Amino acid sequence: GDELFAYITGRQRLAGILIARSMAQTAPSLSIFEHEGRFPVILQSEPSIILSDDSWIPIERHITNLRLFRGLRNRKNWHHAIRNSPKELARADREYLSSLILAAKDLPLLCSGG
């Protein structure tokens, strides 16, 4: 199946890579958005790489390196590009995001003292 990047909306962080195992379907009754539309899109998936929550990657730090965000009228609204319907990313973006996830996967966990 296709690779999907796991994005945590409320935290604006990238959390891993999933493998799609079904066709996408819409489920408007499950929408977290205020407007009607084709959201959310749901599908079955399985984890490929899942980062611990303290290793999640803040996307905002990387928007200047991703083609997905080029041409935005207002950089402050970068998150709208992610929340829109799923789309295929440019190869350079896929490679860049994958490299970030692979690097974060190998980071040691930070523990608070106690």
Protein backbone atom coordinates (compact mmCIF):
# COMPACT_ATOMS: atom_id res chain seq x y z
CA GLY A 1 0.00 0.00 0.00
CA ASP A 2 0.81 3.66 -0.14
CA GLU A 3 2.84 5.27 2.60
CA LEU A 4 1.03 7.87 4.69
CA PHE A 5 2.59 10.40 7.02
CA ALA A 6 0.90 10.46 10.43
CA TYR A 7 0.19 14.07 11.38
CA ILE A 8 -1.23 14.97 14.79
CA THR A 9 -3.52 17.92 14.13
CA GLY A 10 -3.87 19.25 17.68
CA ARG A 11 -0.10 19.22 18.22
CA GLN A 12 0.95 20.17 14.65
CA ARG A 13 3.51 17.37 14.70
CA LEU A 14 4.55 14.55 12.41
CA ALA A 15 4.33 11.26 14.31
CA GLY A 16 5.39 8.53 11.89
CA ILE A 17 4.69 6.60 8.72
CA LEU A 18 1.74 4.30 8.10
CA ILE A 19 1.06 1.83 5.29
CA ALA A 20 -2.40 2.01 3.71
CA ARG A 21 -4.22 -1.34 3.71
CA SER A 22 -7.60 -0.32 2.26
CA MET A 23 -9.14 2.12 -0.15
CA ALA A 24 -9.98 5.55 1.22
CA GLN A 25 -13.57 6.29 2.20
CA THR A 26 -15.26 9.37 3.56
CA ALA A 27 -17.11 9.39 6.87
CA PRO A 28 -18.72 12.84 7.29
CA SER A 29 -20.42 11.75 10.53
CA LEU A 30 -16.96 11.49 12.15
CA SER A 31 -15.85 14.98 11.13
CA ILE A 32 -14.05 17.19 13.64
CA PHE A 33 -14.54 20.19 11.35
CA GLU A 34 -17.43 22.64 11.58
CA HIS A 35 -18.28 22.64 7.88
CA GLU A 36 -19.79 19.89 5.77
CA GLY A 37 -17.51 18.29 3.25
CA ARG A 38 -15.60 15.21 2.29
CA PHE A 39 -13.98 14.82 5.69
CA PRO A 40 -12.71 12.85 7.30
CA VAL A 41 -11.14 10.44 4.89
CA ILE A 42 -10.61 7.12 6.63
CA LEU A 43 -8.78 3.96 5.68
CA GLN A 44 -7.24 0.95 7.29
CA SER A 45 -3.53 1.21 7.89
CA GLU A 46 -0.71 -0.40 9.78
CA PRO A 47 2.30 1.25 11.37
CA SER A 48 5.62 1.30 9.58
CA ILE A 49 7.44 3.73 11.89
CA ILE A 50 5.73 5.32 14.89
CA LEU A 51 7.63 7.87 16.94
CA SER A 52 7.23 8.23 20.68
CA ASP A 53 5.31 11.41 21.43
CA ASP A 54 8.42 13.16 22.76
CA SER A 55 10.06 12.56 19.36
CA TRP A 56 7.23 13.96 17.23
CA ILE A 57 8.48 16.44 14.64
CA PRO A 58 7.11 20.02 14.64
CA ILE A 59 6.18 20.61 11.00
CA GLU A 60 6.29 24.40 11.26
CA ARG A 61 10.09 24.25 11.63
CA HIS A 62 10.33 22.59 8.23
CA ILE A 63 7.81 24.38 6.02
CA THR A 64 10.49 26.31 4.12
CA ASN A 65 12.03 22.96 3.07
CA LEU A 66 8.82 21.43 1.71
CA ARG A 67 7.29 22.04 -1.71
CA LEU A 68 3.84 21.42 -0.24
CA PHE A 69 3.96 24.88 1.35
CA ARG A 70 5.40 26.87 -1.55
CA GLY A 71 3.12 29.48 -2.99
CA LEU A 72 1.02 29.99 0.13
CA ARG A 73 -0.48 33.46 0.23
CA ASN A 74 -0.10 33.63 3.99
CA ARG A 75 2.62 31.54 5.67
CA LYS A 76 0.74 31.77 8.97
CA ASN A 77 -1.92 29.49 7.46
CA TRP A 78 0.52 26.70 6.53
CA HIS A 79 -1.54 24.12 8.44
CA HIS A 80 -4.41 24.39 5.92
CA ALA A 81 -2.21 22.68 3.31
CA ILE A 82 -2.02 19.62 5.58
CA ARG A 83 -5.64 19.54 6.68
CA ASN A 84 -7.00 19.56 3.13
CA SER A 85 -7.84 16.35 1.30
CA PRO A 86 -5.03 13.80 1.18
CA LYS A 87 -2.75 14.31 -1.76
CA GLU A 88 0.40 12.82 -3.19
CA LEU A 89 3.48 14.66 -2.04
CA ALA A 90 6.37 15.55 -4.32
CA ARG A 91 9.18 12.99 -4.19
CA ALA A 92 11.50 15.54 -2.57
CA ASP A 93 8.96 16.16 0.21
CA ARG A 94 8.47 12.42 0.80
CA GLU A 95 12.21 11.88 1.01
CA TYR A 96 12.71 14.87 3.30
CA LEU A 97 9.92 13.86 5.70
CA SER A 98 11.05 10.24 5.70
CA SER A 99 14.59 11.30 6.58
CA LEU A 100 13.27 13.40 9.49
CA ILE A 101 11.27 10.46 10.81
CA LEU A 102 14.14 8.01 10.43
CA ALA A 103 16.48 10.38 12.28
CA ALA A 104 13.93 10.97 15.08
CA LYS A 105 13.32 7.24 15.40
CA ASP A 106 16.92 6.72 16.46
CA LEU A 107 17.04 9.54 19.03
CA PRO A 108 17.37 8.47 22.66
CA LEU A 109 14.29 9.11 24.76
CA LEU A 110 14.57 12.06 27.12
CA CYS A 111 13.47 11.28 30.65
CA SER A 112 12.81 13.82 33.35
CA GLY A 113 14.75 13.34 36.53
CA GLY A 114 13.08 12.18 39.69
